Amino acid sequence: MVEGHLLRDGARLHWTASGEGPPVLFQHGLGGDDAQVATLFPAGAPFCRLTLECRGHGASDAAGPYGFASFSDDLDALVAGRVMVAGGVSMGAALALRLAHLRPGLVRGLILIRPAWGAGPARGNLSFNTEAAAMIAAGAPLAGSALEARLRDTPDNLASIRGFFERPGFAPILAAMSRDDPGLSDADIAAMTMPALVLSAPRDLIHPVSLAEDLAALLPNATHATLPDKAADPAAHRAEAARAIAAFLERIDA
């Protein structure tokens, strides 16, 4: 693995490049980092996984602004005009979509894992994040709260929210990104004709299967598949994601 830093508006942003072959920009989710996507990307695949840890994530500086515009501008600077497949998890999937819209000639394939953002403004599925950010800012505990009760039947979502409560300094980024959106319309997404893989998982209120289905229906050349339940069997979830990604990359690179 090769790693380095990108200097952007006074912020030192950490990036990694792992593997050899055609580049695949593969971005983490909100609150995630390079390690998150490393567990999902197929090991040994003949591709170079390129990941930028967004502002306030991983080893990158926490200097703002926080939003899809600034995060995607950082990615655009990292990509530097190279043609590649783009994808990621949740927020990373939304950033890939935005990049495909802004630089249509650069993105030759999309990998959207457990998307949380679609066309138009942020939907109700992201209200769990904004509620958590407000509670953290107010010093309110998660234990025994109405938010905890609403997520009790979706243990992976609850684990993510608990993680945010353990990182109170992350609350401003959580709030800003969960209220923002990639700025895409239905027509913008329908104009993306490159091959696309959309992966969702059951029992997920923050990344609902219905949103993944909506995106797959809008994208003209998309395949949608449901992964094993992430909370019930994390290893199977990761393994199937890696298998699906490997098959997709082989197909579009053939």
C-alpha atoms as a PDB file:
ATOM      1  CA  MET A   1       0.000   0.000   0.000  1.00  0.00           C
ATOM      2  CA  VAL A   2       1.123   3.511  -0.860  1.00  0.00           C
ATOM      3  CA  GLU A   3      -0.128   6.493   1.106  1.00  0.00           C
ATOM      4  CA  GLY A   4       0.266  10.235   1.009  1.00  0.00           C
ATOM      5  CA  HIS A   5      -1.399  13.554   1.700  1.00  0.00           C
ATOM      6  CA  LEU A   6      -3.291  16.058  -0.393  1.00  0.00           C
ATOM      7  CA  LEU A   7      -3.127  19.712   0.705  1.00  0.00           C
ATOM      8  CA  ARG A   8      -6.415  21.490   0.189  1.00  0.00           C
ATOM      9  CA  ASP A   9      -7.262  24.944   1.567  1.00  0.00           C
ATOM     10  CA  GLY A  10      -4.991  24.451   4.556  1.00  0.00           C
ATOM     11  CA  ALA A  11      -6.266  20.917   5.229  1.00  0.00           C
ATOM     12  CA  ARG A  12      -3.932  17.903   5.064  1.00  0.00           C
ATOM     13  CA  LEU A  13      -5.992  15.023   3.684  1.00  0.00           C
ATOM     14  CA  HIS A  14      -4.766  11.436   3.872  1.00  0.00           C
ATOM     15  CA  TRP A  15      -5.059   9.083   0.889  1.00  0.00           C
ATOM     16  CA  THR A  16      -4.113   5.473   0.235  1.00  0.00           C
ATOM     17  CA  ALA A  17      -3.552   3.429  -2.921  1.00  0.00           C
ATOM     18  CA  SER A  18      -3.659  -0.342  -2.544  1.00  0.00           C
ATOM     19  CA  GLY A  19      -3.022  -2.919  -5.275  1.00  0.00           C
ATOM     20  CA  GLU A  20      -1.975  -2.654  -8.898  1.00  0.00           C
ATOM     21  CA  GLY A  21      -4.014  -2.157 -12.028  1.00  0.00           C
ATOM     22  CA  PRO A  22      -6.704   0.239 -13.257  1.00  0.00           C
ATOM     23  CA  PRO A  23      -7.758   2.709 -10.527  1.00  0.00           C
ATOM     24  CA  VAL A  24     -10.971   2.345  -8.555  1.00  0.00           C
ATOM     25  CA  LEU A  25     -11.893   5.306  -6.360  1.00  0.00           C
ATOM     26  CA  PHE A  26     -13.573   3.659  -3.379  1.00  0.00           C
ATOM     27  CA  GLN A  27     -14.820   5.968  -0.615  1.00  0.00           C
ATOM     28  CA  HIS A  28     -15.787   5.325   3.000  1.00  0.00           C
ATOM     29  CA  GLY A  29     -19.067   6.235   4.642  1.00  0.00           C
ATOM     30  CA  LEU A  30     -19.883   9.024   7.098  1.00  0.00           C
ATOM     31  CA  GLY A  31     -17.688   8.474  10.145  1.00  0.00           C
ATOM     32  CA  GLY A  32     -15.691   5.761   8.360  1.00  0.00           C
ATOM     33  CA  ASP A  33     -12.140   5.614   7.085  1.00  0.00           C
ATOM     34  CA  ASP A  34      -9.789   3.654   4.843  1.00  0.00           C
ATOM     35  CA  ALA A  35     -10.093   0.548   7.027  1.00  0.00           C
ATOM     36  CA  GLN A  36     -13.858   0.420   6.429  1.00  0.00           C
ATOM     37  CA  VAL A  37     -13.582   0.127   2.649  1.00  0.00           C
ATOM     38  CA  ALA A  38     -10.524  -2.131   2.821  1.00  0.00           C
ATOM     39  CA  THR A  39     -12.722  -4.862   4.336  1.00  0.00           C
ATOM     40  CA  LEU A  40     -15.187  -4.678   1.428  1.00  0.00           C
ATOM     41  CA  PHE A  41     -12.896  -4.364  -1.578  1.00  0.00           C
ATOM     42  CA  PRO A  42     -11.865  -7.719  -3.116  1.00  0.00           C
ATOM     43  CA  ALA A  43      -8.410  -8.705  -1.879  1.00  0.00           C
ATOM     44  CA  GLY A  44      -5.964  -9.515  -4.657  1.00  0.00           C
ATOM     45  CA  ALA A  45      -8.132  -8.019  -7.393  1.00  0.00           C
ATOM     46  CA  PRO A  46      -6.092  -6.659 -10.345  1.00  0.00           C
ATOM     47  CA  PHE A  47      -7.136  -3.091  -9.565  1.00  0.00           C
ATOM     48  CA  CYS A  48      -5.715  -0.223  -7.539  1.00  0.00           C
ATOM     49  CA  ARG A  49      -8.099   0.897  -4.794  1.00  0.00           C
ATOM     50  CA  LEU A  50      -7.729   4.629  -4.220  1.00  0.00           C
ATOM     51  CA  THR A  51      -9.313   6.113  -1.084  1.00  0.00           C
ATOM     52  CA  LEU A  52      -9.247   9.652   0.265  1.00  0.00           C
ATOM     53  CA  GLU A  53     -10.164  10.015   3.934  1.00  0.00           C
ATOM     54  CA  CYS A  54     -12.538  12.970   3.863  1.00  0.00           C
ATOM     55  CA  ARG A  55     -12.154  16.019   6.080  1.00  0.00           C
ATOM     56  CA  GLY A  56     -12.557  15.035   9.716  1.00  0.00           C
ATOM     57  CA  HIS A  57     -12.251  11.319   8.934  1.00  0.00           C
ATOM     58  CA  GLY A  58      -9.410   8.913   9.623  1.00  0.00           C
ATOM     59  CA  ALA A  59      -6.003  10.597   9.502  1.00  0.00           C
ATOM     60  CA  SER A  60      -7.236  13.682   7.602  1.00  0.00           C
ATOM     61  CA  ASP A  61      -7.449  17.106   9.188  1.00  0.00           C
ATOM     62  CA  ALA A  62     -10.827  18.212  10.483  1.00  0.00           C
ATOM     63  CA  ALA A  63     -10.703  21.630   8.793  1.00  0.00           C
ATOM     64  CA  GLY A  64     -14.011  22.514   7.125  1.00  0.00           C
ATOM     65  CA  PRO A  65     -16.105  23.258   5.247  1.00  0.00           C
ATOM     66  CA  TYR A  66     -18.158  20.065   5.529  1.00  0.00           C
ATOM     67  CA  GLY A  67     -20.503  19.257   2.683  1.00  0.00           C
ATOM     68  CA  PHE A  68     -20.807  17.311  -0.532  1.00  0.00           C
ATOM     69  CA  ALA A  69     -19.441  20.263  -2.513  1.00  0.00           C
ATOM     70  CA  SER A  70     -16.191  20.500  -0.560  1.00  0.00           C
ATOM     71  CA  PHE A  71     -15.754  16.730  -0.177  1.00  0.00           C
ATOM     72  CA  SER A  72     -16.275  16.128  -3.901  1.00  0.00           C
ATOM     73  CA  ASP A  73     -13.924  19.004  -4.798  1.00  0.00           C
ATOM     74  CA  ASP A  74     -11.254  17.271  -2.704  1.00  0.00           C
ATOM     75  CA  LEU A  75     -11.865  14.026  -4.577  1.00  0.00           C
ATOM     76  CA  ASP A  76     -11.743  15.820  -7.907  1.00  0.00           C
ATOM     77  CA  ALA A  77      -8.307  17.174  -6.962  1.00  0.00           C
ATOM     78  CA  LEU A  78      -7.129  13.678  -6.008  1.00  0.00           C
ATOM     79  CA  VAL A  79      -8.419  12.073  -9.215  1.00  0.00           C
ATOM     80  CA  ALA A  80      -6.746  14.824 -11.278  1.00  0.00           C
ATOM     81  CA  GLY A  81      -8.465  13.959 -14.546  1.00  0.00           C
ATOM     82  CA  ARG A  82      -7.825  10.203 -14.477  1.00  0.00           C
ATOM     83  CA  VAL A  83     -10.532   7.912 -15.858  1.00  0.00           C
ATOM     84  CA  MET A  84     -11.645   5.342 -13.267  1.00  0.00           C
ATOM     85  CA  VAL A  85     -14.435   3.394 -11.655  1.00  0.00           C
ATOM     86  CA  ALA A  86     -15.882   5.290  -8.683  1.00  0.00           C
ATOM     87  CA  GLY A  87     -17.833   3.983  -5.732  1.00  0.00           C
ATOM     88  CA  GLY A  88     -18.125   3.654  -2.025  1.00  0.00           C
ATOM     89  CA  VAL A  89     -20.265   3.032   1.009  1.00  0.00           C
ATOM     90  CA  SER A  90     -23.186   5.286   2.015  1.00  0.00           C
ATOM     91  CA  MET A  91     -21.693   8.800   1.881  1.00  0.00           C
ATOM     92  CA  GLY A  92     -18.984   7.390  -0.389  1.00  0.00           C
ATOM     93  CA  ALA A  93     -21.653   6.161  -2.806  1.00  0.00           C
ATOM     94  CA  ALA A  94     -23.213   9.632  -2.882  1.00  0.00           C
ATOM     95  CA  LEU A  95     -19.820  11.210  -3.553  1.00  0.00           C
ATOM     96  CA  ALA A  96     -19.265   8.786  -6.440  1.00  0.00           C
ATOM     97  CA  LEU A  97     -22.623   9.765  -7.932  1.00  0.00           C
ATOM     98  CA  ARG A  98     -21.795  13.459  -7.607  1.00  0.00           C
ATOM     99  CA  LEU A  99     -18.389  12.938  -9.229  1.00  0.00           C
ATOM    100  CA  ALA A 100     -20.012  11.011 -12.094  1.00  0.00           C
ATOM    101  CA  HIS A 101     -22.378  13.939 -12.643  1.00  0.00           C
ATOM    102  CA  LEU A 102     -19.692  16.630 -12.472  1.00  0.00           C
ATOM    103  CA  ARG A 103     -17.078  14.690 -14.477  1.00  0.00           C
ATOM    104  CA  PRO A 104     -19.081  12.330 -16.720  1.00  0.00           C
ATOM    105  CA  GLY A 105     -16.134  11.552 -18.965  1.00  0.00           C
ATOM    106  CA  LEU A 106     -13.994  10.366 -16.055  1.00  0.00           C
ATOM    107  CA  VAL A 107     -16.248   7.802 -14.359  1.00  0.00           C
ATOM    108  CA  ARG A 108     -16.574   4.589 -16.368  1.00  0.00           C
ATOM    109  CA  GLY A 109     -18.413   2.569 -13.725  1.00  0.00           C
ATOM    110  CA  LEU A 110     -20.239   3.059 -10.411  1.00  0.00           C
ATOM    111  CA  ILE A 111     -20.261   0.904  -7.265  1.00  0.00           C
ATOM    112  CA  LEU A 112     -22.914   2.070  -4.786  1.00  0.00           C
ATOM    113  CA  ILE A 113     -22.957   0.156  -1.497  1.00  0.00           C
ATOM    114  CA  ARG A 114     -25.787   0.759   0.983  1.00  0.00           C
ATOM    115  CA  PRO A 115     -26.639   4.217  -0.368  1.00  0.00           C
ATOM    116  CA  ALA A 116     -28.185   6.687   2.079  1.00  0.00           C
ATOM    117  CA  TRP A 117     -28.595   9.635  -0.321  1.00  0.00           C
ATOM    118  CA  GLY A 118     -30.445   9.688  -3.622  1.00  0.00           C
ATOM    119  CA  ALA A 119     -31.931  12.394  -5.814  1.00  0.00           C
ATOM    120  CA  GLY A 120     -33.100  15.609  -4.198  1.00  0.00           C
ATOM    121  CA  PRO A 121     -32.871  16.648  -0.545  1.00  0.00           C
ATOM    122  CA  ALA A 122     -31.768  14.287   2.216  1.00  0.00           C
ATOM    123  CA  ARG A 123     -34.588  11.908   3.140  1.00  0.00           C
ATOM    124  CA  GLY A 124     -36.033  10.847   6.470  1.00  0.00           C
ATOM    125  CA  ASN A 125     -33.611   7.937   6.760  1.00  0.00           C
ATOM    126  CA  LEU A 126     -30.898  10.456   7.688  1.00  0.00           C
ATOM    127  CA  SER A 127     -32.961  11.943  10.526  1.00  0.00           C
ATOM    128  CA  PHE A 128     -31.460   9.335  12.875  1.00  0.00           C
ATOM    129  CA  ASN A 129     -28.059  10.951  12.302  1.00  0.00           C
ATOM    130  CA  THR A 130     -29.268  14.519  12.741  1.00  0.00           C
ATOM    131  CA  GLU A 131     -31.131  13.574  15.918  1.00  0.00           C
ATOM    132  CA  ALA A 132     -28.012  11.907  17.263  1.00  0.00           C
ATOM    133  CA  ALA A 133     -25.893  14.972  16.451  1.00  0.00           C
ATOM    134  CA  ALA A 134     -28.342  17.249  18.278  1.00  0.00           C
ATOM    135  CA  MET A 135     -28.375  14.961  21.326  1.00  0.00           C
ATOM    136  CA  ILE A 136     -24.571  14.818  21.403  1.00  0.00           C
ATOM    137  CA  ALA A 137     -24.345  18.612  21.186  1.00  0.00           C
ATOM    138  CA  ALA A 138     -26.847  18.920  24.062  1.00  0.00           C
ATOM    139  CA  GLY A 139     -25.019  16.338  26.169  1.00  0.00           C
ATOM    140  CA  ALA A 140     -28.033  14.008  26.190  1.00  0.00           C
ATOM    141  CA  PRO A 141     -27.287  10.277  26.618  1.00  0.00           C
ATOM    142  CA  LEU A 142     -28.281   7.688  24.034  1.00  0.00           C
ATOM    143  CA  ALA A 143     -29.032   5.014  26.654  1.00  0.00           C
ATOM    144  CA  GLY A 144     -32.732   4.914  27.446  1.00  0.00           C
ATOM    145  CA  SER A 145     -33.601   7.489  24.765  1.00  0.00           C
ATOM    146  CA  ALA A 146     -36.376   7.343  22.185  1.00  0.00           C
ATOM    147  CA  LEU A 147     -33.700   7.228  19.478  1.00  0.00           C
ATOM    148  CA  GLU A 148     -32.179   4.092  20.972  1.00  0.00           C
ATOM    149  CA  ALA A 149     -35.629   2.493  21.170  1.00  0.00           C
ATOM    150  CA  ARG A 150     -36.400   3.214  17.500  1.00  0.00           C
ATOM    151  CA  LEU A 151     -33.159   1.544  16.414  1.00  0.00           C
ATOM    152  CA  ARG A 152     -33.377  -1.493  18.682  1.00  0.00           C
ATOM    153  CA  ASP A 153     -34.495  -3.787  15.848  1.00  0.00           C
ATOM    154  CA  THR A 154     -31.718  -2.601  13.518  1.00  0.00           C
ATOM    155  CA  PRO A 155     -28.581  -3.443  15.513  1.00  0.00           C
ATOM    156  CA  ASP A 156     -26.071  -2.334  12.897  1.00  0.00           C
ATOM    157  CA  ASN A 157     -27.643   1.124  12.744  1.00  0.00           C
ATOM    158  CA  LEU A 158     -27.704   1.290  16.530  1.00  0.00           C
ATOM    159  CA  ALA A 159     -24.025   0.336  16.702  1.00  0.00           C
ATOM    160  CA  SER A 160     -23.162   3.146  14.275  1.00  0.00           C
ATOM    161  CA  ILE A 161     -25.116   5.696  16.303  1.00  0.00           C
ATOM    162  CA  ARG A 162     -23.459   4.490  19.515  1.00  0.00           C
ATOM    163  CA  GLY A 163     -20.103   5.018  17.832  1.00  0.00           C
ATOM    164  CA  PHE A 164     -20.981   8.647  17.135  1.00  0.00           C
ATOM    165  CA  PHE A 165     -21.804   9.182  20.824  1.00  0.00           C
ATOM    166  CA  GLU A 166     -18.300   7.941  21.626  1.00  0.00           C
ATOM    167  CA  ARG A 167     -16.883  10.655  19.328  1.00  0.00           C
ATOM    168  CA  PRO A 168     -18.594  13.878  20.452  1.00  0.00           C
ATOM    169  CA  GLY A 169     -16.183  15.997  18.424  1.00  0.00           C
ATOM    170  CA  PHE A 170     -17.557  14.441  15.242  1.00  0.00           C
ATOM    171  CA  ALA A 171     -21.097  15.758  15.855  1.00  0.00           C
ATOM    172  CA  PRO A 172     -20.735  18.939  13.714  1.00  0.00           C
ATOM    173  CA  ILE A 173     -19.603  16.854  10.717  1.00  0.00           C
ATOM    174  CA  LEU A 174     -22.375  14.319  11.341  1.00  0.00           C
ATOM    175  CA  ALA A 175     -24.997  17.072  11.429  1.00  0.00           C
ATOM    176  CA  ALA A 176     -23.676  18.953   8.395  1.00  0.00           C
ATOM    177  CA  MET A 177     -23.364  15.932   6.115  1.00  0.00           C
ATOM    178  CA  SER A 178     -26.672  14.370   7.185  1.00  0.00           C
ATOM    179  CA  ARG A 179     -28.536  17.569   6.264  1.00  0.00           C
ATOM    180  CA  ASP A 180     -26.693  18.061   2.981  1.00  0.00           C
ATOM    181  CA  ASP A 181     -27.294  16.260  -0.310  1.00  0.00           C
ATOM    182  CA  PRO A 182     -25.232  15.596  -3.450  1.00  0.00           C
ATOM    183  CA  GLY A 183     -27.304  18.084  -5.450  1.00  0.00           C
ATOM    184  CA  LEU A 184     -28.602  15.595  -8.008  1.00  0.00           C
ATOM    185  CA  SER A 185     -32.006  15.330  -9.672  1.00  0.00           C
ATOM    186  CA  ASP A 186     -33.712  12.240 -11.059  1.00  0.00           C
ATOM    187  CA  ALA A 187     -32.741  13.430 -14.536  1.00  0.00           C
ATOM    188  CA  ASP A 188     -29.094  13.859 -13.516  1.00  0.00           C
ATOM    189  CA  ILE A 189     -28.909  10.270 -12.275  1.00  0.00           C
ATOM    190  CA  ALA A 190     -30.846   8.915 -15.277  1.00  0.00           C
ATOM    191  CA  ALA A 191     -28.217  10.502 -17.543  1.00  0.00           C
ATOM    192  CA  MET A 192     -25.455   8.326 -16.046  1.00  0.00           C
ATOM    193  CA  THR A 193     -25.207   5.562 -18.633  1.00  0.00           C
ATOM    194  CA  MET A 194     -22.062   3.812 -17.349  1.00  0.00           C
ATOM    195  CA  PRO A 195     -22.417   0.323 -15.823  1.00  0.00           C
ATOM    196  CA  ALA A 196     -23.455   0.497 -12.158  1.00  0.00           C
ATOM    197  CA  LEU A 197     -23.614  -1.965  -9.279  1.00  0.00           C
ATOM    198  CA  VAL A 198     -25.984  -1.127  -6.418  1.00  0.00           C
ATOM    199  CA  LEU A 199     -25.773  -3.209  -3.233  1.00  0.00           C
ATOM    200  CA  SER A 200     -28.124  -2.978  -0.257  1.00  0.00           C
ATOM    201  CA  ALA A 201     -28.720  -4.946   2.928  1.00  0.00           C
ATOM    202  CA  PRO A 202     -31.828  -5.868   4.944  1.00  0.00           C
ATOM    203  CA  ARG A 203     -32.759  -4.446   8.361  1.00  0.00           C
ATOM    204  CA  ASP A 204     -31.209  -1.065   7.644  1.00  0.00           C
ATOM    205  CA  LEU A 205     -33.210   2.094   8.374  1.00  0.00           C
ATOM    206  CA  ILE A 206     -30.395   4.499   7.513  1.00  0.00           C
ATOM    207  CA  HIS A 207     -29.592   2.744   4.223  1.00  0.00           C
ATOM    208  CA  PRO A 208     -33.006   1.377   3.174  1.00  0.00           C
ATOM    209  CA  VAL A 209     -33.310  -1.194   0.414  1.00  0.00           C
ATOM    210  CA  SER A 210     -36.029   0.978  -1.152  1.00  0.00           C
ATOM    211  CA  LEU A 211     -33.534   3.804  -1.737  1.00  0.00           C
ATOM    212  CA  ALA A 212     -31.103   1.411  -3.422  1.00  0.00           C
ATOM    213  CA  GLU A 213     -33.962   0.144  -5.593  1.00  0.00           C
ATOM    214  CA  ASP A 214     -34.874   3.736  -6.537  1.00  0.00           C
ATOM    215  CA  LEU A 215     -31.296   4.459  -7.625  1.00  0.00           C
ATOM    216  CA  ALA A 216     -31.022   1.205  -9.565  1.00  0.00           C
ATOM    217  CA  ALA A 217     -34.276   2.034 -11.360  1.00  0.00           C
ATOM    218  CA  LEU A 218     -33.003   5.501 -12.324  1.00  0.00           C
ATOM    219  CA  LEU A 219     -29.575   4.372 -13.545  1.00  0.00           C
ATOM    220  CA  PRO A 220     -29.973   3.025 -17.111  1.00  0.00           C
ATOM    221  CA  ASN A 221     -27.326   0.288 -16.808  1.00  0.00           C
ATOM    222  CA  ALA A 222     -27.547  -0.776 -13.157  1.00  0.00           C
ATOM    223  CA  THR A 223     -27.693  -4.120 -11.382  1.00  0.00           C
ATOM    224  CA  HIS A 224     -29.102  -4.266  -7.845  1.00  0.00           C
ATOM    225  CA  ALA A 225     -28.405  -7.062  -5.370  1.00  0.00           C
ATOM    226  CA  THR A 226     -29.117  -7.532  -1.669  1.00  0.00           C
ATOM    227  CA  LEU A 227     -26.218  -8.513   0.585  1.00  0.00           C
ATOM    228  CA  PRO A 228     -26.501 -10.755   3.666  1.00  0.00           C
ATOM    229  CA  ASP A 229     -27.707  -9.041   6.830  1.00  0.00           C
ATOM    230  CA  LYS A 230     -24.722  -7.015   8.103  1.00  0.00           C
ATOM    231  CA  ALA A 231     -25.624  -7.326  11.793  1.00  0.00           C
ATOM    232  CA  ALA A 232     -26.474 -11.036  11.657  1.00  0.00           C
ATOM    233  CA  ASP A 233     -23.360 -12.141   9.756  1.00  0.00           C
ATOM    234  CA  PRO A 234     -20.742  -9.397   9.196  1.00  0.00           C
ATOM    235  CA  ALA A 235     -18.258 -11.807   7.608  1.00  0.00           C
ATOM    236  CA  ALA A 236     -20.789 -13.053   5.057  1.00  0.00           C
ATOM    237  CA  HIS A 237     -21.835  -9.460   4.322  1.00  0.00           C
ATOM    238  CA  ARG A 238     -18.253  -8.414   3.606  1.00  0.00           C
ATOM    239  CA  ALA A 239     -17.448 -11.545   1.608  1.00  0.00           C
ATOM    240  CA  GLU A 240     -20.496 -11.209  -0.641  1.00  0.00           C
ATOM    241  CA  ALA A 241     -19.808  -7.499  -1.184  1.00  0.00           C
ATOM    242  CA  ALA A 242     -16.236  -8.300  -2.241  1.00  0.00           C
ATOM    243  CA  ARG A 243     -17.436 -11.092  -4.533  1.00  0.00           C
ATOM    244  CA  ALA A 244     -20.035  -8.843  -6.199  1.00  0.00           C
ATOM    245  CA  ILE A 245     -17.526  -6.022  -6.647  1.00  0.00           C
ATOM    246  CA  ALA A 246     -14.922  -8.366  -8.149  1.00  0.00           C
ATOM    247  CA  ALA A 247     -17.437  -9.789 -10.634  1.00  0.00           C
ATOM    248  CA  PHE A 248     -18.597  -6.289 -11.603  1.00  0.00           C
ATOM    249  CA  LEU A 249     -15.047  -5.016 -12.155  1.00  0.00           C
ATOM    250  CA  GLU A 250     -14.161  -8.063 -14.235  1.00  0.00           C
ATOM    251  CA  ARG A 251     -17.248  -7.576 -16.366  1.00  0.00           C
ATOM    252  CA  ILE A 252     -16.681  -3.915 -17.195  1.00  0.00           C
ATOM    253  CA  ASP A 253     -12.924  -4.415 -17.657  1.00  0.00           C
ATOM    254  CA  ALA A 254     -13.323  -7.365 -20.011  1.00  0.00           C
END
